[in-house]
Amino acid sequence: MNLDTFKEYLNIHKISLEQDLEKIDYVNSHHFYRVKEAEIELCNHLLGVLDEH
């Protein structure tokens, strides 16, 4: 897998995570909401690192 393919995968995965986040009830599932936010931030970080190279 080359870096462009990996970046595209991460972008698609991030969209999926954001869609999942929209479905989580923050009040009743606060922990799961925060975990999903962390997963999105990780994708953002990885994409940022890949953009530097």
PDB file of N, CA and C in Angstrom:
ATOM      1  N   MET A   1       0.854  -1.173   0.000  1.00  0.00           N
ATOM      2  CA  MET A   1       0.000   0.000   0.000  1.00  0.00           C
ATOM      3  C   MET A   1       0.900   1.236   0.000  1.00  0.00           C
ATOM      4  N   ASN A   2       0.639   2.167  -0.909  1.00  0.00           N
ATOM      5  CA  ASN A   2       1.423   3.391  -0.921  1.00  0.00           C
ATOM      6  C   ASN A   2       0.778   4.453  -0.024  1.00  0.00           C
ATOM      7  N   LEU A   3       1.477   5.558   0.197  1.00  0.00           N
ATOM      8  CA  LEU A   3       0.986   6.591   1.113  1.00  0.00           C
ATOM      9  C   LEU A   3      -0.295   7.242   0.627  1.00  0.00           C
ATOM     10  N   ASP A   4      -0.431   7.436  -0.679  1.00  0.00           N
ATOM     11  CA  ASP A   4      -1.665   8.042  -1.195  1.00  0.00           C
ATOM     12  C   ASP A   4      -2.873   7.151  -0.926  1.00  0.00           C
ATOM     13  N   THR A   5      -2.701   5.864  -1.089  1.00  0.00           N
ATOM     14  CA  THR A   5      -3.784   4.916  -0.812  1.00  0.00           C
ATOM     15  C   THR A   5      -4.122   4.920   0.673  1.00  0.00           C
ATOM     16  N   PHE A   6      -3.107   4.962   1.516  1.00  0.00           N
ATOM     17  CA  PHE A   6      -3.324   4.994   2.963  1.00  0.00           C
ATOM     18  C   PHE A   6      -4.045   6.281   3.374  1.00  0.00           C
ATOM     19  N   LYS A   7      -3.650   7.420   2.801  1.00  0.00           N
ATOM     20  CA  LYS A   7      -4.317   8.689   3.106  1.00  0.00           C
ATOM     21  C   LYS A   7      -5.786   8.645   2.687  1.00  0.00           C
ATOM     22  N   GLU A   8      -6.057   8.078   1.525  1.00  0.00           N
ATOM     23  CA  GLU A   8      -7.439   7.971   1.065  1.00  0.00           C
ATOM     24  C   GLU A   8      -8.249   7.076   1.998  1.00  0.00           C
ATOM     25  N   TYR A   9      -7.650   5.972   2.422  1.00  0.00           N
ATOM     26  CA  TYR A   9      -8.310   5.093   3.382  1.00  0.00           C
ATOM     27  C   TYR A   9      -8.621   5.845   4.676  1.00  0.00           C
ATOM     28  N   LEU A  10      -7.657   6.604   5.195  1.00  0.00           N
ATOM     29  CA  LEU A  10      -7.871   7.352   6.436  1.00  0.00           C
ATOM     30  C   LEU A  10      -8.976   8.384   6.272  1.00  0.00           C
ATOM     31  N   ASN A  11      -9.026   9.053   5.139  1.00  0.00           N
ATOM     32  CA  ASN A  11     -10.087  10.037   4.904  1.00  0.00           C
ATOM     33  C   ASN A  11     -11.460   9.371   4.889  1.00  0.00           C
ATOM     34  N   ILE A  12     -11.562   8.234   4.237  1.00  0.00           N
ATOM     35  CA  ILE A  12     -12.833   7.503   4.205  1.00  0.00           C
ATOM     36  C   ILE A  12     -13.196   6.998   5.596  1.00  0.00           C
ATOM     37  N   HIS A  13     -12.212   6.482   6.307  1.00  0.00           N
ATOM     38  CA  HIS A  13     -12.438   5.986   7.670  1.00  0.00           C
ATOM     39  C   HIS A  13     -12.899   7.124   8.579  1.00  0.00           C
ATOM     40  N   LYS A  14     -12.305   8.295   8.431  1.00  0.00           N
ATOM     41  CA  LYS A  14     -12.679   9.452   9.242  1.00  0.00           C
ATOM     42  C   LYS A  14     -14.141   9.840   8.986  1.00  0.00           C
ATOM     43  N   ILE A  15     -14.564   9.807   7.740  1.00  0.00           N
ATOM     44  CA  ILE A  15     -15.963  10.111   7.419  1.00  0.00           C
ATOM     45  C   ILE A  15     -16.882   9.113   8.111  1.00  0.00           C
ATOM     46  N   SER A  16     -16.506   7.856   8.086  1.00  0.00           N
ATOM     47  CA  SER A  16     -17.292   6.817   8.747  1.00  0.00           C
ATOM     48  C   SER A  16     -17.369   7.056  10.255  1.00  0.00           C
ATOM     49  N   LEU A  17     -16.253   7.426  10.846  1.00  0.00           N
ATOM     50  CA  LEU A  17     -16.234   7.710  12.289  1.00  0.00           C
ATOM     51  C   LEU A  17     -17.121   8.908  12.619  1.00  0.00           C
ATOM     52  N   GLU A  18     -17.075   9.937  11.786  1.00  0.00           N
ATOM     53  CA  GLU A  18     -17.910  11.124  12.013  1.00  0.00           C
ATOM     54  C   GLU A  18     -19.394  10.773  11.901  1.00  0.00           C
ATOM     55  N   GLN A  19     -19.730   9.895  10.979  1.00  0.00           N
ATOM     56  CA  GLN A  19     -21.117   9.449  10.852  1.00  0.00           C
ATOM     57  C   GLN A  19     -21.530   8.647  12.087  1.00  0.00           C
ATOM     58  N   ASP A  20     -20.635   7.822  12.579  1.00  0.00           N
ATOM     59  CA  ASP A  20     -20.913   7.076  13.817  1.00  0.00           C
ATOM     60  C   ASP A  20     -21.133   8.028  14.983  1.00  0.00           C
ATOM     61  N   LEU A  21     -20.311   9.057  15.067  1.00  0.00           N
ATOM     62  CA  LEU A  21     -20.401  10.023  16.162  1.00  0.00           C
ATOM     63  C   LEU A  21     -21.764  10.705  16.173  1.00  0.00           C
ATOM     64  N   GLU A  22     -22.292  11.006  15.003  1.00  0.00           N
ATOM     65  CA  GLU A  22     -23.595  11.667  14.908  1.00  0.00           C
ATOM     66  C   GLU A  22     -24.719  10.804  15.491  1.00  0.00           C
ATOM     67  N   LYS A  23     -24.530   9.512  15.508  1.00  0.00           N
ATOM     68  CA  LYS A  23     -25.570   8.592  15.978  1.00  0.00           C
ATOM     69  C   LYS A  23     -25.512   8.337  17.484  1.00  0.00           C
ATOM     70  N   ILE A  24     -24.454   8.786  18.130  1.00  0.00           N
ATOM     71  CA  ILE A  24     -24.273   8.509  19.558  1.00  0.00           C
ATOM     72  C   ILE A  24     -24.937   9.603  20.384  1.00  0.00           C
ATOM     73  N   ASP A  25     -25.729   9.187  21.341  1.00  0.00           N
ATOM     74  CA  ASP A  25     -26.378  10.111  22.264  1.00  0.00           C
ATOM     75  C   ASP A  25     -25.360  10.520  23.330  1.00  0.00           C
ATOM     76  N   TYR A  26     -24.932  11.767  23.290  1.00  0.00           N
ATOM     77  CA  TYR A  26     -23.889  12.253  24.189  1.00  0.00           C
ATOM     78  C   TYR A  26     -24.280  12.081  25.654  1.00  0.00           C
ATOM     79  N   VAL A  27     -25.523  12.373  25.970  1.00  0.00           N
ATOM     80  CA  VAL A  27     -25.955  12.334  27.376  1.00  0.00           C
ATOM     81  C   VAL A  27     -25.929  10.909  27.931  1.00  0.00           C
ATOM     82  N   ASN A  28     -26.453   9.961  27.175  1.00  0.00           N
ATOM     83  CA  ASN A  28     -26.567   8.593  27.685  1.00  0.00           C
ATOM     84  C   ASN A  28     -25.353   7.722  27.377  1.00  0.00           C
ATOM     85  N   SER A  29     -24.530   8.164  26.444  1.00  0.00           N
ATOM     86  CA  SER A  29     -23.365   7.353  26.051  1.00  0.00           C
ATOM     87  C   SER A  29     -22.116   8.220  25.972  1.00  0.00           C
ATOM     88  N   HIS A  30     -21.913   9.014  27.011  1.00  0.00           N
ATOM     89  CA  HIS A  30     -20.813   9.976  27.035  1.00  0.00           C
ATOM     90  C   HIS A  30     -19.468   9.307  26.759  1.00  0.00           C
ATOM     91  N   HIS A  31     -19.220   8.156  27.374  1.00  0.00           N
ATOM     92  CA  HIS A  31     -17.941   7.467  27.204  1.00  0.00           C
ATOM     93  C   HIS A  31     -17.716   7.092  25.740  1.00  0.00           C
ATOM     94  N   PHE A  32     -18.729   6.501  25.105  1.00  0.00           N
ATOM     95  CA  PHE A  32     -18.589   6.082  23.711  1.00  0.00           C
ATOM     96  C   PHE A  32     -18.406   7.291  22.789  1.00  0.00           C
ATOM     97  N   TYR A  33     -19.072   8.391  23.131  1.00  0.00           N
ATOM     98  CA  TYR A  33     -18.936   9.623  22.356  1.00  0.00           C
ATOM     99  C   TYR A  33     -17.496  10.125  22.412  1.00  0.00           C
ATOM    100  N   ARG A  34     -16.925  10.135  23.613  1.00  0.00           N
ATOM    101  CA  ARG A  34     -15.553  10.617  23.800  1.00  0.00           C
ATOM    102  C   ARG A  34     -14.547   9.696  23.094  1.00  0.00           C
ATOM    103  N   VAL A  35     -14.779   8.391  23.125  1.00  0.00           N
ATOM    104  CA  VAL A  35     -13.897   7.449  22.442  1.00  0.00           C
ATOM    105  C   VAL A  35     -13.935   7.705  20.942  1.00  0.00           C
ATOM    106  N   LYS A  36     -15.118   7.921  20.392  1.00  0.00           N
ATOM    107  CA  LYS A  36     -15.251   8.181  18.958  1.00  0.00           C
ATOM    108  C   LYS A  36     -14.559   9.492  18.594  1.00  0.00           C
ATOM    109  N   GLU A  37     -14.677  10.508  19.453  1.00  0.00           N
ATOM    110  CA  GLU A  37     -13.964  11.774  19.219  1.00  0.00           C
ATOM    111  C   GLU A  37     -12.455  11.534  19.182  1.00  0.00           C
ATOM    112  N   ALA A  38     -11.961  10.699  20.078  1.00  0.00           N
ATOM    113  CA  ALA A  38     -10.523  10.396  20.123  1.00  0.00           C
ATOM    114  C   ALA A  38     -10.085   9.686  18.854  1.00  0.00           C
ATOM    115  N   GLU A  39     -10.905   8.784  18.351  1.00  0.00           N
ATOM    116  CA  GLU A  39     -10.573   8.086  17.107  1.00  0.00           C
ATOM    117  C   GLU A  39     -10.490   9.072  15.936  1.00  0.00           C
ATOM    118  N   ILE A  40     -11.397  10.030  15.910  1.00  0.00           N
ATOM    119  CA  ILE A  40     -11.385  11.048  14.852  1.00  0.00           C
ATOM    120  C   ILE A  40     -10.138  11.914  14.969  1.00  0.00           C
ATOM    121  N   GLU A  41      -9.784  12.290  16.183  1.00  0.00           N
ATOM    122  CA  GLU A  41      -8.580  13.099  16.387  1.00  0.00           C
ATOM    123  C   GLU A  41      -7.327  12.340  15.967  1.00  0.00           C
ATOM    124  N   LEU A  42      -7.301  11.033  16.226  1.00  0.00           N
ATOM    125  CA  LEU A  42      -6.170  10.221  15.793  1.00  0.00           C
ATOM    126  C   LEU A  42      -6.061  10.234  14.268  1.00  0.00           C
ATOM    127  N   CYS A  43      -7.175  10.081  13.579  1.00  0.00           N
ATOM    128  CA  CYS A  43      -7.155  10.151  12.109  1.00  0.00           C
ATOM    129  C   CYS A  43      -6.638  11.506  11.653  1.00  0.00           C
ATOM    130  N   ASN A  44      -7.115  12.586  12.287  1.00  0.00           N
ATOM    131  CA  ASN A  44      -6.649  13.925  11.924  1.00  0.00           C
ATOM    132  C   ASN A  44      -5.148  14.055  12.126  1.00  0.00           C
ATOM    133  N   HIS A  45      -4.653  13.512  13.223  1.00  0.00           N
ATOM    134  CA  HIS A  45      -3.220  13.575  13.508  1.00  0.00           C
ATOM    135  C   HIS A  45      -2.424  12.809  12.452  1.00  0.00           C
ATOM    136  N   LEU A  46      -2.856  11.589  12.146  1.00  0.00           N
ATOM    137  CA  LEU A  46      -2.150  10.790  11.155  1.00  0.00           C
ATOM    138  C   LEU A  46      -2.159  11.480   9.785  1.00  0.00           C
ATOM    139  N   LEU A  47      -3.287  12.043   9.417  1.00  0.00           N
ATOM    140  CA  LEU A  47      -3.369  12.753   8.134  1.00  0.00           C
ATOM    141  C   LEU A  47      -2.434  13.965   8.132  1.00  0.00           C
ATOM    142  N   GLY A  48      -2.348  14.655   9.252  1.00  0.00           N
ATOM    143  CA  GLY A  48      -1.449  15.799   9.362  1.00  0.00           C
ATOM    144  C   GLY A  48       0.009  15.396   9.226  1.00  0.00           C
ATOM    145  N   VAL A  49       0.370  14.301   9.847  1.00  0.00           N
ATOM    146  CA  VAL A  49       1.743  13.804   9.746  1.00  0.00           C
ATOM    147  C   VAL A  49       2.040  13.398   8.304  1.00  0.00           C
ATOM    148  N   LEU A  50       1.108  12.726   7.662  1.00  0.00           N
ATOM    149  CA  LEU A  50       1.324  12.310   6.266  1.00  0.00           C
ATOM    150  C   LEU A  50       1.433  13.518   5.345  1.00  0.00           C
ATOM    151  N   ASP A  51       0.717  14.581   5.633  1.00  0.00           N
ATOM    152  CA  ASP A  51       0.802  15.785   4.803  1.00  0.00           C
ATOM    153  C   ASP A  51       2.156  16.474   4.921  1.00  0.00           C
ATOM    154  N   GLU A  52       2.849  16.248   6.032  1.00  0.00           N
ATOM    155  CA  GLU A  52       4.176  16.849   6.225  1.00  0.00           C
ATOM    156  C   GLU A  52       5.251  16.154   5.394  1.00  0.00           C
ATOM    157  N   HIS A  53       4.965  14.968   4.894  1.00  0.00           N
ATOM    158  CA  HIS A  53       5.965  14.199   4.135  1.00  0.00           C
ATOM    159  C   HIS A  53       5.693  14.249   2.676  1.00  0.00           C
TER     160      HIS A  53
END
